[in-house]
Amino acid sequence: MLRKPMLAVLILSISLLASKGYINSVKASASLTILPTDSGYLNNSYFYYVVGEVQNTGDTAVTDVYINATFYDSTSVKLAEISQPTKLYTILPGRISPFDITLLSVTVSSRVANYTLHVAKYSPTQNGQVGLTVASNSSSLDSSGFHIEGTIKNVGTQNTTYVEVIATLYNATGHAIATVVDYSDPGSLDINQTAQFNTLLNSSVANKVDHYALEAESYDSQFIQDYESIPEFQPLPFIFTLLILTTTIILTLKHPRKTMRNARQQSAKKQAAQKKLPSEDLQ
C-alpha cells in the first residue's frame, strides 16, 4: 500500500504529465480519397473534360476541397495542371462529392493521352445535422438531353437559402461521366417547405447515363448542417423509365452559396492563370 507522501507525489506527476500534453485525448482526423470512378474525354466543345468523385474517409467534416488534375501527352510530357473545387463545399465523414475539371484549350486537349488526380487542399470543419431530403425524383431522356427532376424538402430546424441540387451521372460500368448543378425553385426553403428542381445534361454522353446520385447543399451565415443517404436502386431497362436512385442530401449552412461559389471560381481562375498553360498556338 502506498504511503501518503508517495501517493501525493504520484498524483502530482500525473497532473504534470497531463498539463504538458503527454496524456492526450483522441482527436478527430481528416482524410480524403479520390475514388477509382473517374473518366476523361473530349466534350462537345473539344475540351478535355475530367469528372470524378472524392470521399471523406476521415472522422471529421472537411470544407473548401480542391482537386488537382495533371495532363500528359503520349510521351508522358506534362501539358497542363489545373485545380478546381469539388461540387460540395462541405463533405462530411463517409460522404462523397463529385468534381469536374475542364482543360480550356482545344489544341492542348487534342494531345492529352492520360492524366493524374490528387487532392490539392482542404480544411477540417465541424459536423452538422440532417436538414434536407429529396422527397421525389425521376428521369427521362429526349432529344435535348438527360433530365432529372423532383422535389426537395427542408426537414431541418432552420430555414435555408440558396438550395442547390447536384447530380452525378454514371455509365453502366459505374464510372462518373458528368455532373450537373441546379438551384431549387424557390431557392429558399422554410422548415417543412418543399421546392422543385430540374437538372439537364445536354452533352454527347447523355445517352450513356445508366444511373445517378443526387446531393443538395444550402448556405446560411451561421449554421452548418449535414446530409442523409437514401439507398440506390438500379434503373429499369427502358430509356424513358423513371429512375429511383441513390440520393445523398447535404445541408451546409455557412455562407450564401452564390457568393461562395463566385469566390471559389475566381480563386480557381487565378490559380489556373499562374500555371503557364500552353497557348492555343502550341502545336
Protein backbone atom coordinates (compact mmCIF):
# COMPACT_ATOMS: atom_id res chain seq x y z
CA MET A 1 0.00 0.00 0.00
CA LEU A 2 1.37 3.39 -0.98
CA ARG A 3 2.23 5.78 1.80
CA LYS A 4 0.53 9.17 1.69
CA PRO A 5 3.67 11.13 0.65
CA MET A 6 4.35 8.69 -2.23
CA LEU A 7 0.69 8.82 -3.33
CA ALA A 8 0.78 12.62 -3.34
CA VAL A 9 3.95 12.59 -5.49
CA LEU A 10 2.33 10.12 -7.95
CA ILE A 11 -0.80 12.25 -8.32
CA LEU A 12 1.30 15.37 -8.82
CA SER A 13 3.40 13.62 -11.51
CA ILE A 14 0.32 12.51 -13.44
CA SER A 15 -1.08 16.05 -13.27
CA LEU A 16 2.17 17.50 -14.63
CA LEU A 17 2.28 14.97 -17.49
CA ALA A 18 -1.29 15.79 -18.46
CA SER A 19 -0.61 19.54 -18.36
CA LYS A 20 2.43 19.10 -20.63
CA GLY A 21 0.42 17.18 -23.19
CA TYR A 22 1.83 13.70 -22.53
CA ILE A 23 -1.68 12.45 -21.86
CA ASN A 24 -3.80 13.34 -24.89
CA SER A 25 -7.40 12.65 -25.79
CA VAL A 26 -8.13 11.12 -29.22
CA LYS A 27 -8.56 13.86 -31.80
CA ALA A 28 -10.62 13.74 -34.98
CA SER A 29 -8.60 13.45 -38.18
CA ALA A 30 -9.40 14.46 -41.75
CA SER A 31 -8.65 12.26 -44.76
CA LEU A 32 -9.81 12.36 -48.39
CA THR A 33 -9.63 9.62 -51.03
CA ILE A 34 -10.22 10.02 -54.75
CA LEU A 35 -12.38 7.09 -55.87
CA PRO A 36 -11.48 4.98 -58.96
CA THR A 37 -14.69 6.07 -60.73
CA ASP A 38 -13.26 8.97 -62.77
CA SER A 39 -13.35 9.32 -66.53
CA GLY A 40 -11.91 11.74 -69.06
CA TYR A 41 -12.88 12.58 -72.63
CA LEU A 42 -13.26 15.39 -75.16
CA ASN A 43 -16.55 17.17 -74.54
CA ASN A 44 -18.87 18.87 -77.04
CA SER A 45 -16.51 21.86 -77.22
CA TYR A 46 -13.48 19.60 -77.82
CA PHE A 47 -12.07 20.49 -74.40
CA TYR A 48 -10.68 17.62 -72.33
CA TYR A 49 -13.14 17.03 -69.50
CA VAL A 50 -12.44 15.02 -66.34
CA VAL A 51 -15.15 14.04 -63.87
CA GLY A 52 -14.74 12.02 -60.70
CA GLU A 53 -15.56 11.62 -57.04
CA VAL A 54 -13.74 12.16 -53.75
CA GLN A 55 -14.74 10.54 -50.46
CA ASN A 56 -14.16 11.80 -46.94
CA THR A 57 -12.56 8.75 -45.31
CA GLY A 58 -11.73 10.59 -42.09
CA ASP A 59 -13.85 11.18 -39.00
CA THR A 60 -14.34 14.93 -39.27
CA ALA A 61 -16.00 17.12 -41.89
CA VAL A 62 -13.86 18.97 -44.45
CA THR A 63 -14.55 22.09 -46.46
CA ASP A 64 -13.06 24.11 -49.34
CA VAL A 65 -11.77 20.96 -51.08
CA TYR A 66 -9.76 21.35 -54.31
CA ILE A 67 -8.81 18.55 -56.72
CA ASN A 68 -5.73 18.83 -58.96
CA ALA A 69 -5.52 17.29 -62.45
CA THR A 70 -2.22 16.98 -64.34
CA PHE A 71 -2.45 16.22 -68.07
CA TYR A 72 0.20 14.37 -70.13
CA ASP A 73 0.74 13.55 -73.79
CA SER A 74 1.57 10.11 -75.24
CA THR A 75 5.28 10.54 -74.38
CA SER A 76 4.48 11.43 -70.72
CA VAL A 77 5.31 15.09 -71.26
CA LYS A 78 3.32 17.31 -68.90
CA LEU A 79 0.88 19.51 -70.81
CA ALA A 80 -1.05 21.33 -68.09
CA GLU A 81 -2.06 21.30 -64.42
CA ILE A 82 -5.40 22.61 -63.13
CA SER A 83 -7.08 22.71 -59.69
CA GLN A 84 -10.84 23.05 -59.22
CA PRO A 85 -13.16 22.90 -56.16
CA THR A 86 -15.45 19.96 -55.50
CA LYS A 87 -19.17 20.43 -56.13
CA LEU A 88 -19.98 20.12 -52.43
CA TYR A 89 -18.37 22.84 -50.36
CA THR A 90 -18.51 20.70 -47.21
CA ILE A 91 -18.01 16.91 -47.24
CA LEU A 92 -18.94 15.03 -44.07
CA PRO A 93 -17.30 11.78 -42.85
CA GLY A 94 -18.05 8.84 -45.14
CA ARG A 95 -19.67 11.04 -47.77
CA ILE A 96 -18.81 11.56 -51.43
CA SER A 97 -18.67 14.70 -53.58
CA PRO A 98 -18.34 14.88 -57.35
CA PHE A 99 -15.86 17.18 -59.09
CA ASP A 100 -15.09 18.09 -62.67
CA ILE A 101 -12.12 19.75 -64.33
CA THR A 102 -12.00 21.14 -67.87
CA LEU A 103 -8.85 21.86 -69.87
CA LEU A 104 -9.84 25.02 -71.74
CA SER A 105 -7.61 24.62 -74.80
CA VAL A 106 -8.71 22.76 -77.90
CA THR A 107 -5.15 22.30 -79.18
CA VAL A 108 -3.74 21.06 -75.89
CA SER A 109 -6.81 18.91 -75.23
CA SER A 110 -6.26 17.08 -78.51
CA ARG A 111 -2.83 15.99 -77.27
CA VAL A 112 -3.95 14.57 -73.91
CA ALA A 113 -3.20 10.86 -73.58
CA ASN A 114 -3.64 10.46 -69.82
CA TYR A 115 -3.93 12.39 -66.56
CA THR A 116 -3.40 12.05 -62.82
CA LEU A 117 -5.54 13.33 -59.93
CA HIS A 118 -4.78 14.27 -56.35
CA VAL A 119 -6.32 16.29 -53.53
CA ALA A 120 -4.72 19.75 -53.66
CA LYS A 121 -6.08 21.18 -50.40
CA TYR A 122 -8.91 21.09 -47.85
CA SER A 123 -9.76 22.43 -44.41
CA PRO A 124 -11.27 20.49 -41.47
CA THR A 125 -14.55 21.88 -40.13
CA GLN A 126 -17.38 20.96 -37.76
CA ASN A 127 -20.05 18.33 -38.39
CA GLY A 128 -23.75 19.17 -38.55
CA GLN A 129 -27.30 17.81 -38.62
CA VAL A 130 -29.65 16.44 -41.25
CA GLY A 131 -31.52 19.30 -42.92
CA LEU A 132 -32.64 18.41 -46.46
CA THR A 133 -34.18 15.38 -48.12
CA VAL A 134 -35.16 14.62 -51.70
CA ALA A 135 -38.88 13.90 -51.48
CA SER A 136 -39.17 12.63 -55.07
CA ASN A 137 -37.12 12.33 -58.25
CA SER A 138 -37.49 10.95 -61.76
CA SER A 139 -35.54 10.99 -65.02
CA SER A 140 -36.06 10.86 -68.77
CA LEU A 141 -34.07 11.07 -71.99
CA ASP A 142 -35.16 13.06 -75.03
CA SER A 143 -33.60 14.99 -77.90
CA SER A 144 -32.47 17.81 -75.59
CA GLY A 145 -30.61 15.51 -73.17
CA PHE A 146 -30.97 13.62 -69.90
CA HIS A 147 -33.42 15.23 -67.46
CA ILE A 148 -33.67 14.74 -63.68
CA GLU A 149 -36.50 16.47 -61.89
CA GLY A 150 -38.06 16.20 -58.47
CA THR A 151 -38.77 17.91 -55.17
CA ILE A 152 -36.59 18.67 -52.19
CA LYS A 153 -37.83 19.26 -48.63
CA ASN A 154 -36.37 21.13 -45.65
CA VAL A 155 -36.67 18.65 -42.77
CA GLY A 156 -34.26 20.56 -40.53
CA THR A 157 -34.79 23.04 -37.75
CA GLN A 158 -33.65 26.14 -39.65
CA ASN A 159 -34.85 27.98 -42.75
CA THR A 160 -32.45 27.55 -45.68
CA THR A 161 -31.27 29.75 -48.54
CA TYR A 162 -29.54 29.17 -51.89
CA VAL A 163 -30.54 25.50 -52.07
CA GLU A 164 -28.51 23.75 -54.76
CA VAL A 165 -29.06 20.25 -56.17
CA ILE A 166 -26.04 18.43 -57.60
CA ALA A 167 -26.39 15.34 -59.81
CA THR A 168 -23.59 12.86 -60.54
CA LEU A 169 -24.31 10.68 -63.56
CA TYR A 170 -22.72 7.26 -64.18
CA ASN A 171 -22.39 4.85 -67.09
CA ALA A 172 -23.15 1.12 -66.91
CA THR A 173 -19.69 0.32 -65.51
CA GLY A 174 -20.17 2.70 -62.58
CA HIS A 175 -17.82 5.44 -63.78
CA ALA A 176 -18.88 9.06 -63.38
CA ILE A 177 -19.36 10.65 -66.80
CA ALA A 178 -20.86 14.03 -65.87
CA THR A 179 -22.05 16.23 -63.03
CA VAL A 180 -24.68 18.95 -63.30
CA VAL A 181 -25.99 21.58 -60.86
CA ASP A 182 -29.35 23.30 -60.50
CA TYR A 183 -30.92 25.60 -57.89
CA SER A 184 -34.25 24.69 -56.33
CA ASP A 185 -37.33 26.75 -57.17
CA PRO A 186 -37.86 28.59 -54.88
CA GLY A 187 -34.24 28.90 -53.84
CA SER A 188 -35.03 29.41 -50.14
CA LEU A 189 -36.93 26.89 -48.03
CA ASP A 190 -38.66 27.40 -44.70
CA ILE A 191 -38.95 24.50 -42.26
CA ASN A 192 -41.07 21.66 -43.81
CA GLN A 193 -41.32 23.55 -47.11
CA THR A 194 -40.68 21.77 -50.43
CA ALA A 195 -39.28 23.08 -53.73
CA GLN A 196 -38.83 21.74 -57.23
CA PHE A 197 -35.59 21.13 -59.12
CA ASN A 198 -34.87 20.23 -62.74
CA THR A 199 -31.38 19.39 -63.99
CA LEU A 200 -30.39 18.77 -67.62
CA LEU A 201 -27.35 17.01 -69.07
CA ASN A 202 -27.23 18.05 -72.72
CA SER A 203 -23.83 16.64 -73.68
CA SER A 204 -22.87 13.84 -76.05
CA VAL A 205 -22.78 11.37 -73.16
CA ALA A 206 -26.44 11.90 -72.19
CA ASN A 207 -27.46 8.62 -73.85
CA LYS A 208 -24.82 6.73 -71.84
CA VAL A 209 -26.35 7.52 -68.42
CA ASP A 210 -27.19 4.32 -66.54
CA HIS A 211 -27.83 5.69 -63.03
CA TYR A 212 -27.21 8.81 -60.95
CA ALA A 213 -26.82 10.20 -57.44
CA LEU A 214 -28.22 13.43 -56.00
CA GLU A 215 -26.82 15.82 -53.39
CA ALA A 216 -28.24 19.06 -52.04
CA GLU A 217 -26.44 21.85 -50.28
CA SER A 218 -27.58 25.14 -48.79
CA TYR A 219 -25.70 28.06 -47.27
CA ASP A 220 -26.56 30.46 -44.47
CA SER A 221 -24.46 32.82 -42.39
CA GLN A 222 -24.42 30.91 -39.08
CA PHE A 223 -25.14 27.20 -39.26
CA ILE A 224 -23.58 24.04 -40.69
CA GLN A 225 -25.82 21.03 -41.15
CA ASP A 226 -25.22 17.67 -42.76
CA TYR A 227 -26.79 15.16 -45.07
CA GLU A 228 -28.55 11.82 -45.20
CA SER A 229 -28.36 8.90 -47.60
CA ILE A 230 -31.19 7.12 -49.42
CA PRO A 231 -30.43 3.62 -50.85
CA GLU A 232 -29.69 3.25 -54.56
CA PHE A 233 -31.87 1.34 -56.98
CA GLN A 234 -30.77 0.34 -60.48
CA PRO A 235 -32.83 1.85 -63.33
CA LEU A 236 -35.30 -0.24 -65.29
CA PRO A 237 -34.13 -1.16 -68.83
CA PHE A 238 -36.19 1.44 -70.64
CA ILE A 239 -34.82 4.78 -71.80
CA PHE A 240 -37.79 6.78 -70.60
CA THR A 241 -38.48 4.80 -67.43
CA LEU A 242 -38.32 6.78 -64.20
CA LEU A 243 -35.15 6.19 -62.21
CA ILE A 244 -35.24 5.96 -58.42
CA LEU A 245 -31.63 6.04 -57.32
CA THR A 246 -29.04 6.92 -54.71
CA THR A 247 -29.77 10.22 -53.10
CA THR A 248 -27.26 11.85 -50.81
CA ILE A 249 -28.51 15.02 -49.23
CA ILE A 250 -26.37 17.67 -47.60
CA LEU A 251 -27.35 20.87 -45.89
CA THR A 252 -24.41 23.11 -45.12
CA LEU A 253 -25.38 26.47 -43.74
CA LYS A 254 -22.38 28.76 -43.73
CA HIS A 255 -22.26 31.48 -46.40
CA PRO A 256 -24.61 32.38 -49.28
CA ARG A 257 -23.93 29.80 -51.99
CA LYS A 258 -23.74 32.22 -54.89
CA THR A 259 -21.24 34.44 -53.08
CA MET A 260 -19.14 31.44 -52.02
CA ARG A 261 -19.21 29.79 -55.47
CA ASN A 262 -18.18 33.07 -57.16
CA ALA A 263 -15.28 33.48 -54.74
CA ARG A 264 -14.09 29.91 -55.29
CA GLN A 265 -14.36 30.22 -59.09
CA GLN A 266 -12.34 33.44 -59.03
CA SER A 267 -9.71 31.75 -56.87
CA ALA A 268 -9.56 28.77 -59.24
CA LYS A 269 -9.18 31.05 -62.28
CA LYS A 270 -6.35 32.93 -60.56
CA GLN A 271 -4.57 29.65 -59.82
CA ALA A 272 -5.04 28.44 -63.40
CA ALA A 273 -3.57 31.69 -64.75
CA GLN A 274 -0.41 31.03 -62.73
CA LYS A 275 0.09 27.53 -64.14
CA LYS A 276 1.57 28.70 -67.52
CA LEU A 277 -0.80 26.62 -69.61
CA PRO A 278 0.32 26.03 -73.21
CA SER A 279 -1.14 28.57 -75.60
CA GLU A 280 -3.60 27.75 -78.36
CA ASP A 281 -0.79 28.29 -80.85
CA LEU A 282 1.20 25.38 -79.39
CA GLN A 283 1.44 22.63 -81.96
